[in-house]
Amino acid sequence: MRETGIVIAISGGAMTVRMNAARPEMCSKCRACEVLGEGKGSVLRVPTLPGIVEGEAVTVEFPETSPWIGIVLVLALPTSLLVGGVILGSRWTAWVELLGGDADAAGMFVGVPLAVLALLAAHLVDRRYRRHIRVTRLSPPEEHQGVES
């Protein structure tokens, strides 16, 4: 998907871009801008461009992905691993004996690290998708007029 926006802040290797409100044909698919951004557009953090200044117009192109990937990676996978780990850990007698007989604690010692690993995997997938974001200037930067000597 390709959208345009205005750079509103630059810090480090990233810039914050206020995206223009989505086109009506895009809203029929998702409606996220309307629900989350009150129809005013959204704000994204994207890689910065050399020499860009606040107020410049840019085009941000990011890969089309299914929203189900995010739902599975951020919600379903960590939750299912947490619950599965708690059940497995609380029923695994070696863990219960190792921790002094508390089955609930044994379950948490298995479930929580599994959920954290799932969230780490989601973070790595997100970083992979961020590398595919392309940012371009809509107009070339204005040339600074030198003082004539």
N, C-alpha and C. Protein backbone atom coordinates (compact mmCIF):
# COMPACT_ATOMS: atom_id res chain seq x y z
N MET A 1 0.85 -1.16 0.00
CA MET A 1 0.00 0.00 0.00
C MET A 1 0.90 1.23 0.00
N ARG A 2 0.48 2.26 -0.70
CA ARG A 2 1.25 3.50 -0.80
C ARG A 2 0.37 4.65 -0.34
N GLU A 3 0.88 5.41 0.61
CA GLU A 3 0.16 6.57 1.14
C GLU A 3 1.11 7.75 1.23
N THR A 4 0.55 8.95 1.27
CA THR A 4 1.36 10.16 1.41
C THR A 4 1.15 10.74 2.80
N GLY A 5 2.13 11.52 3.24
CA GLY A 5 2.04 12.14 4.55
C GLY A 5 3.04 13.27 4.68
N ILE A 6 3.02 13.91 5.83
CA ILE A 6 3.90 15.03 6.14
C ILE A 6 4.78 14.65 7.32
N VAL A 7 6.07 14.92 7.22
CA VAL A 7 7.01 14.65 8.31
C VAL A 7 6.73 15.65 9.42
N ILE A 8 6.43 15.14 10.62
CA ILE A 8 6.14 16.05 11.74
C ILE A 8 7.24 16.06 12.79
N ALA A 9 8.11 15.04 12.79
CA ALA A 9 9.22 15.01 13.75
C ALA A 9 10.31 14.07 13.23
N ILE A 10 11.56 14.39 13.57
CA ILE A 10 12.69 13.55 13.20
C ILE A 10 13.53 13.35 14.45
N SER A 11 13.83 12.09 14.76
CA SER A 11 14.69 11.80 15.91
C SER A 11 15.45 10.51 15.64
N GLY A 12 16.76 10.59 15.78
CA GLY A 12 17.59 9.42 15.54
C GLY A 12 17.49 8.97 14.10
N GLY A 13 17.31 7.68 13.91
CA GLY A 13 17.20 7.12 12.57
C GLY A 13 15.77 6.97 12.10
N ALA A 14 14.82 7.62 12.79
CA ALA A 14 13.42 7.48 12.41
C ALA A 14 12.75 8.84 12.35
N MET A 15 11.70 8.89 11.57
CA MET A 15 10.91 10.12 11.51
C MET A 15 9.44 9.76 11.70
N THR A 16 8.71 10.71 12.24
CA THR A 16 7.28 10.53 12.46
C THR A 16 6.56 11.22 11.33
N VAL A 17 5.67 10.47 10.67
CA VAL A 17 4.95 10.99 9.52
C VAL A 17 3.45 10.92 9.81
N ARG A 18 2.77 12.08 9.67
CA ARG A 18 1.32 12.09 9.79
C ARG A 18 0.77 11.78 8.41
N MET A 19 0.14 10.62 8.32
CA MET A 19 -0.41 10.16 7.05
C MET A 19 -1.72 10.88 6.77
N ASN A 20 -1.96 11.16 5.51
CA ASN A 20 -3.22 11.76 5.11
C ASN A 20 -4.34 10.76 5.33
N ALA A 21 -5.56 11.26 5.51
CA ALA A 21 -6.70 10.36 5.70
C ALA A 21 -6.78 9.42 4.52
N ALA A 22 -7.11 8.19 4.80
CA ALA A 22 -7.15 7.16 3.76
C ALA A 22 -8.19 7.49 2.69
N ARG A 23 -7.93 6.99 1.52
CA ARG A 23 -8.87 7.18 0.41
C ARG A 23 -10.11 6.34 0.67
N PRO A 24 -11.27 6.76 0.17
CA PRO A 24 -12.51 6.02 0.42
C PRO A 24 -12.45 4.56 -0.02
N GLU A 25 -11.75 4.27 -1.12
CA GLU A 25 -11.69 2.87 -1.56
C GLU A 25 -10.90 2.01 -0.59
N MET A 26 -9.95 2.62 0.13
CA MET A 26 -9.19 1.87 1.13
C MET A 26 -10.03 1.66 2.38
N CYS A 27 -10.85 2.65 2.73
CA CYS A 27 -11.67 2.55 3.94
C CYS A 27 -12.70 1.44 3.84
N SER A 28 -13.12 1.10 2.65
CA SER A 28 -14.09 0.03 2.53
C SER A 28 -13.50 -1.31 2.90
N LYS A 29 -12.16 -1.41 2.88
CA LYS A 29 -11.51 -2.66 3.22
C LYS A 29 -11.29 -2.81 4.72
N CYS A 30 -10.85 -1.74 5.39
CA CYS A 30 -10.33 -1.87 6.75
C CYS A 30 -11.07 -1.02 7.77
N ARG A 31 -11.22 0.25 7.51
CA ARG A 31 -11.85 1.22 8.39
C ARG A 31 -11.05 1.49 9.67
N ALA A 32 -9.80 1.07 9.74
CA ALA A 32 -8.99 1.29 10.94
C ALA A 32 -8.73 2.77 11.17
N CYS A 33 -8.50 3.53 10.11
CA CYS A 33 -8.26 4.97 10.27
C CYS A 33 -9.47 5.65 10.88
N GLU A 34 -10.64 5.24 10.45
CA GLU A 34 -11.86 5.85 10.96
C GLU A 34 -12.07 5.51 12.43
N VAL A 35 -11.81 4.26 12.79
CA VAL A 35 -12.03 3.82 14.17
C VAL A 35 -10.95 4.34 15.10
N LEU A 36 -9.69 4.18 14.70
CA LEU A 36 -8.58 4.53 15.57
C LEU A 36 -8.13 5.97 15.42
N GLY A 37 -8.18 6.52 14.22
CA GLY A 37 -7.69 7.86 13.99
C GLY A 37 -8.78 8.88 13.79
N GLU A 38 -10.01 8.53 14.05
CA GLU A 38 -11.15 9.42 13.91
C GLU A 38 -11.22 10.04 12.53
N GLY A 39 -10.78 9.27 11.50
CA GLY A 39 -10.86 9.74 10.13
C GLY A 39 -9.85 10.80 9.76
N LYS A 40 -8.94 11.16 10.65
CA LYS A 40 -7.99 12.24 10.41
C LYS A 40 -6.65 11.74 9.91
N GLY A 41 -6.49 10.47 9.71
CA GLY A 41 -5.21 9.92 9.31
C GLY A 41 -4.49 9.34 10.51
N SER A 42 -3.37 8.73 10.26
CA SER A 42 -2.63 8.08 11.33
C SER A 42 -1.20 8.61 11.36
N VAL A 43 -0.48 8.23 12.40
CA VAL A 43 0.91 8.65 12.56
C VAL A 43 1.77 7.39 12.53
N LEU A 44 2.82 7.42 11.72
CA LEU A 44 3.72 6.28 11.59
C LEU A 44 5.15 6.70 11.89
N ARG A 45 5.93 5.76 12.45
CA ARG A 45 7.38 5.96 12.61
C ARG A 45 8.03 5.12 11.52
N VAL A 46 8.79 5.80 10.67
CA VAL A 46 9.42 5.14 9.53
C VAL A 46 10.89 5.53 9.48
N PRO A 47 11.69 4.78 8.72
CA PRO A 47 13.11 5.15 8.58
C PRO A 47 13.25 6.54 7.97
N THR A 48 14.24 7.27 8.43
CA THR A 48 14.44 8.64 7.96
C THR A 48 15.20 8.66 6.63
N LEU A 49 15.06 9.76 5.93
CA LEU A 49 15.79 9.99 4.69
C LEU A 49 16.88 11.02 4.94
N PRO A 50 18.01 10.90 4.28
CA PRO A 50 19.07 11.89 4.47
C PRO A 50 18.62 13.27 4.00
N GLY A 51 18.86 14.27 4.81
CA GLY A 51 18.58 15.65 4.45
C GLY A 51 17.13 16.06 4.53
N ILE A 52 16.27 15.22 5.03
CA ILE A 52 14.84 15.57 5.11
C ILE A 52 14.60 16.48 6.30
N VAL A 53 13.65 17.37 6.18
CA VAL A 53 13.32 18.29 7.26
C VAL A 53 11.83 18.18 7.58
N GLU A 54 11.48 18.63 8.76
CA GLU A 54 10.07 18.60 9.17
C GLU A 54 9.24 19.44 8.21
N GLY A 55 8.04 18.98 7.92
CA GLY A 55 7.14 19.69 7.04
C GLY A 55 7.18 19.22 5.60
N GLU A 56 8.16 18.40 5.24
CA GLU A 56 8.24 17.89 3.87
C GLU A 56 7.22 16.79 3.65
N ALA A 57 6.74 16.68 2.42
CA ALA A 57 5.80 15.63 2.05
C ALA A 57 6.57 14.41 1.59
N VAL A 58 6.12 13.23 2.03
CA VAL A 58 6.76 11.98 1.65
C VAL A 58 5.70 10.97 1.25
N THR A 59 6.16 9.96 0.53
CA THR A 59 5.32 8.82 0.21
C THR A 59 5.87 7.63 0.98
N VAL A 60 5.00 6.92 1.67
CA VAL A 60 5.39 5.74 2.43
C VAL A 60 4.74 4.53 1.77
N GLU A 61 5.57 3.58 1.38
CA GLU A 61 5.07 2.36 0.75
C GLU A 61 5.46 1.19 1.65
N PHE A 62 4.47 0.44 2.07
CA PHE A 62 4.76 -0.70 2.91
C PHE A 62 4.07 -1.93 2.35
N PRO A 63 4.64 -3.12 2.63
CA PRO A 63 4.12 -4.33 2.01
C PRO A 63 2.71 -4.67 2.48
N GLU A 64 1.94 -5.20 1.57
CA GLU A 64 0.60 -5.67 1.91
C GLU A 64 0.73 -6.95 2.73
N THR A 65 0.09 -6.96 3.86
CA THR A 65 0.09 -8.16 4.70
C THR A 65 -1.32 -8.42 5.18
N SER A 66 -1.53 -9.62 5.61
CA SER A 66 -2.83 -9.99 6.15
C SER A 66 -2.90 -9.54 7.61
N PRO A 67 -4.01 -8.96 8.04
CA PRO A 67 -4.12 -8.59 9.46
C PRO A 67 -4.11 -9.82 10.37
N TRP A 68 -4.39 -10.96 9.80
CA TRP A 68 -4.41 -12.19 10.62
C TRP A 68 -3.02 -12.56 11.11
N ILE A 69 -1.98 -12.17 10.38
CA ILE A 69 -0.62 -12.47 10.83
C ILE A 69 -0.37 -11.77 12.17
N GLY A 70 -0.73 -10.51 12.27
CA GLY A 70 -0.55 -9.77 13.52
C GLY A 70 -1.40 -10.32 14.65
N ILE A 71 -2.63 -10.68 14.34
CA ILE A 71 -3.52 -11.23 15.36
C ILE A 71 -2.96 -12.53 15.91
N VAL A 72 -2.48 -13.38 15.02
CA VAL A 72 -1.92 -14.66 15.48
C VAL A 72 -0.64 -14.44 16.27
N LEU A 73 0.26 -13.59 15.75
CA LEU A 73 1.55 -13.41 16.40
C LEU A 73 1.49 -12.66 17.72
N VAL A 74 0.57 -11.72 17.86
CA VAL A 74 0.54 -10.90 19.07
C VAL A 74 -0.50 -11.39 20.08
N LEU A 75 -1.55 -11.99 19.63
CA LEU A 75 -2.60 -12.41 20.55
C LEU A 75 -2.69 -13.93 20.72
N ALA A 76 -2.93 -14.62 19.62
CA ALA A 76 -3.23 -16.06 19.71
C ALA A 76 -2.03 -16.89 20.15
N LEU A 77 -0.89 -16.70 19.54
CA LEU A 77 0.28 -17.52 19.86
C LEU A 77 0.77 -17.32 21.30
N PRO A 78 1.00 -16.09 21.78
CA PRO A 78 1.44 -15.95 23.17
C PRO A 78 0.41 -16.46 24.18
N THR A 79 -0.87 -16.19 23.92
CA THR A 79 -1.90 -16.65 24.85
C THR A 79 -1.97 -18.16 24.90
N SER A 80 -1.95 -18.80 23.74
CA SER A 80 -2.02 -20.27 23.73
C SER A 80 -0.78 -20.89 24.35
N LEU A 81 0.40 -20.30 24.11
CA LEU A 81 1.61 -20.83 24.74
C LEU A 81 1.61 -20.60 26.25
N LEU A 82 1.09 -19.47 26.69
CA LEU A 82 0.99 -19.23 28.12
C LEU A 82 0.07 -20.25 28.79
N VAL A 83 -1.11 -20.43 28.24
CA VAL A 83 -2.07 -21.38 28.82
C VAL A 83 -1.54 -22.80 28.73
N GLY A 84 -1.00 -23.17 27.57
CA GLY A 84 -0.44 -24.51 27.42
C GLY A 84 0.73 -24.76 28.35
N GLY A 85 1.59 -23.77 28.52
CA GLY A 85 2.72 -23.91 29.42
C GLY A 85 2.29 -24.02 30.87
N VAL A 86 1.27 -23.26 31.26
CA VAL A 86 0.77 -23.35 32.63
C VAL A 86 0.21 -24.74 32.88
N ILE A 87 -0.56 -25.24 31.94
CA ILE A 87 -1.14 -26.59 32.11
C ILE A 87 -0.04 -27.64 32.13
N LEU A 88 0.87 -27.57 31.19
CA LEU A 88 1.96 -28.54 31.13
C LEU A 88 2.84 -28.46 32.37
N GLY A 89 3.23 -27.25 32.77
CA GLY A 89 4.11 -27.09 33.92
C GLY A 89 3.47 -27.52 35.22
N SER A 90 2.18 -27.28 35.39
CA SER A 90 1.53 -27.66 36.64
C SER A 90 1.28 -29.16 36.73
N ARG A 91 1.25 -29.84 35.61
CA ARG A 91 1.02 -31.29 35.63
C ARG A 91 2.31 -32.10 35.51
N TRP A 92 3.39 -31.43 35.23
CA TRP A 92 4.66 -32.13 35.09
C TRP A 92 5.27 -32.26 36.48
N THR A 93 5.28 -33.45 37.01
CA THR A 93 5.66 -33.69 38.41
C THR A 93 7.11 -33.33 38.69
N ALA A 94 7.99 -33.42 37.71
CA ALA A 94 9.40 -33.07 37.94
C ALA A 94 9.52 -31.58 38.27
N TRP A 95 8.77 -30.72 37.59
CA TRP A 95 8.78 -29.29 37.88
C TRP A 95 8.20 -29.01 39.25
N VAL A 96 7.13 -29.71 39.58
CA VAL A 96 6.48 -29.49 40.86
C VAL A 96 7.42 -29.86 42.00
N GLU A 97 8.12 -30.96 41.87
CA GLU A 97 9.06 -31.39 42.91
C GLU A 97 10.26 -30.45 42.98
N LEU A 98 10.72 -29.96 41.83
CA LEU A 98 11.88 -29.07 41.79
C LEU A 98 11.57 -27.75 42.50
N LEU A 99 10.35 -27.26 42.36
CA LEU A 99 9.98 -25.97 42.94
C LEU A 99 9.36 -26.10 44.33
N GLY A 100 9.40 -27.25 44.88
CA GLY A 100 8.93 -27.42 46.25
C GLY A 100 7.45 -27.76 46.38
N GLY A 101 6.85 -28.26 45.36
CA GLY A 101 5.49 -28.77 45.50
C GLY A 101 4.37 -27.84 45.10
N ASP A 102 4.64 -26.61 44.64
CA ASP A 102 3.57 -25.71 44.24
C ASP A 102 3.33 -25.85 42.74
N ALA A 103 2.24 -26.49 42.37
CA ALA A 103 1.95 -26.77 40.97
C ALA A 103 1.67 -25.49 40.18
N ASP A 104 1.02 -24.50 40.80
CA ASP A 104 0.72 -23.25 40.10
C ASP A 104 2.01 -22.49 39.74
N ALA A 105 2.95 -22.46 40.67
CA ALA A 105 4.22 -21.78 40.40
C ALA A 105 4.99 -22.51 39.30
N ALA A 106 4.96 -23.83 39.33
CA ALA A 106 5.63 -24.61 38.29
C ALA A 106 5.01 -24.31 36.93
N GLY A 107 3.70 -24.18 36.88
CA GLY A 107 3.03 -23.85 35.63
C GLY A 107 3.43 -22.48 35.11
N MET A 108 3.54 -21.51 36.00
CA MET A 108 3.92 -20.17 35.58
C MET A 108 5.38 -20.12 35.11
N PHE A 109 6.25 -20.93 35.73
CA PHE A 109 7.65 -20.95 35.31
C PHE A 109 7.82 -21.56 33.92
N VAL A 110 6.84 -22.30 33.45
CA VAL A 110 6.89 -22.85 32.10
C VAL A 110 6.12 -21.94 31.14
N GLY A 111 4.93 -21.49 31.54
CA GLY A 111 4.06 -20.73 30.65
C GLY A 111 4.55 -19.33 30.31
N VAL A 112 5.02 -18.60 31.30
CA VAL A 112 5.44 -17.21 31.05
C VAL A 112 6.63 -17.13 30.10
N PRO A 113 7.70 -17.94 30.27
CA PRO A 113 8.79 -17.86 29.29
C PRO A 113 8.36 -18.24 27.88
N LEU A 114 7.44 -19.18 27.75
CA LEU A 114 6.95 -19.53 26.42
C LEU A 114 6.21 -18.35 25.78
N ALA A 115 5.40 -17.66 26.56
CA ALA A 115 4.68 -16.49 26.04
C ALA A 115 5.65 -15.37 25.66
N VAL A 116 6.68 -15.17 26.46
CA VAL A 116 7.69 -14.15 26.15
C VAL A 116 8.43 -14.51 24.86
N LEU A 117 8.74 -15.78 24.67
CA LEU A 117 9.39 -16.21 23.42
C LEU A 117 8.49 -15.94 22.22
N ALA A 118 7.18 -16.16 22.38
CA ALA A 118 6.24 -15.89 21.29
C ALA A 118 6.21 -14.40 20.96
N LEU A 119 6.24 -13.55 21.97
CA LEU A 119 6.25 -12.10 21.72
C LEU A 119 7.57 -11.67 21.08
N LEU A 120 8.66 -12.30 21.46
CA LEU A 120 9.95 -12.02 20.82
C LEU A 120 9.90 -12.41 19.34
N ALA A 121 9.29 -13.54 19.04
CA ALA A 121 9.13 -13.95 17.64
C ALA A 121 8.30 -12.93 16.87
N ALA A 122 7.23 -12.40 17.48
CA ALA A 122 6.41 -11.37 16.84
C ALA A 122 7.24 -10.11 16.57
N HIS A 123 8.09 -9.75 17.52
CA HIS A 123 8.96 -8.58 17.34
C HIS A 123 9.92 -8.78 16.17
N LEU A 124 10.48 -9.97 16.04
CA LEU A 124 11.40 -10.25 14.95
C LEU A 124 10.70 -10.21 13.60
N VAL A 125 9.48 -10.72 13.54
CA VAL A 125 8.70 -10.65 12.30
C VAL A 125 8.40 -9.20 11.96
N ASP A 126 8.07 -8.39 12.97
CA ASP A 126 7.79 -6.97 12.75
C ASP A 126 9.02 -6.26 12.20
N ARG A 127 10.18 -6.56 12.73
CA ARG A 127 11.41 -5.94 12.23
C ARG A 127 11.66 -6.32 10.78
N ARG A 128 11.34 -7.57 10.42
CA ARG A 128 11.52 -8.00 9.04
C ARG A 128 10.62 -7.20 8.10
N TYR A 129 9.37 -6.96 8.52
CA TYR A 129 8.47 -6.18 7.68
C TYR A 129 8.88 -4.71 7.62
N ARG A 130 9.45 -4.18 8.69
CA ARG A 130 9.88 -2.77 8.69
C ARG A 130 11.00 -2.53 7.70
N ARG A 131 11.82 -3.54 7.44
CA ARG A 131 12.90 -3.37 6.47
C ARG A 131 12.37 -3.17 5.06
N HIS A 132 11.13 -3.57 4.81
CA HIS A 132 10.55 -3.46 3.48
C HIS A 132 9.77 -2.17 3.29
N ILE A 133 9.75 -1.29 4.28
CA ILE A 133 9.08 0.00 4.15
C ILE A 133 9.96 0.91 3.29
N ARG A 134 9.38 1.52 2.29
CA ARG A 134 10.10 2.43 1.41
C ARG A 134 9.53 3.83 1.58
N VAL A 135 10.41 4.78 1.83
CA VAL A 135 10.01 6.17 1.99
C VAL A 135 10.69 6.99 0.92
N THR A 136 9.91 7.81 0.22
CA THR A 136 10.47 8.69 -0.81
C THR A 136 9.90 10.08 -0.66
N ARG A 137 10.68 11.07 -1.06
CA ARG A 137 10.22 12.47 -1.05
C ARG A 137 9.24 12.68 -2.19
N LEU A 138 8.23 13.47 -1.93
CA LEU A 138 7.32 13.84 -3.01
C LEU A 138 7.89 14.96 -3.86
N SER A 139 8.60 15.86 -3.21
CA SER A 139 9.22 16.95 -3.95
C SER A 139 10.66 17.06 -3.50
N PRO A 140 11.54 17.45 -4.41
CA PRO A 140 12.95 17.58 -4.00
C PRO A 140 13.10 18.70 -2.99
N PRO A 141 14.08 18.60 -2.10
CA PRO A 141 14.28 19.67 -1.11
C PRO A 141 14.68 20.96 -1.79
N GLU A 142 14.25 22.05 -1.18
CA GLU A 142 14.60 23.35 -1.74
C GLU A 142 16.10 23.58 -1.58
N GLU A 143 16.70 24.11 -2.63
CA GLU A 143 18.13 24.40 -2.58
C GLU A 143 18.35 25.62 -1.70
N HIS A 144 19.32 25.54 -0.85
CA HIS A 144 19.65 26.69 0.00
C HIS A 144 20.42 27.71 -0.83
N GLN A 145 19.94 28.89 -0.84
CA GLN A 145 20.57 29.95 -1.61
C GLN A 145 21.83 30.41 -0.88
N GLY A 146 22.95 30.36 -1.54
CA GLY A 146 24.20 30.81 -0.95
C GLY A 146 24.30 32.33 -1.02
N VAL A 147 25.07 32.91 -0.13
CA VAL A 147 25.27 34.35 -0.13
C VAL A 147 26.32 34.67 -1.19
N GLU A 148 25.97 35.59 -2.07
CA GLU A 148 26.93 35.95 -3.11
C GLU A 148 28.06 36.79 -2.52
N SER A 149 29.26 36.51 -2.96
CA SER A 149 30.39 37.28 -2.43
C SER A 149 30.87 38.30 -3.40
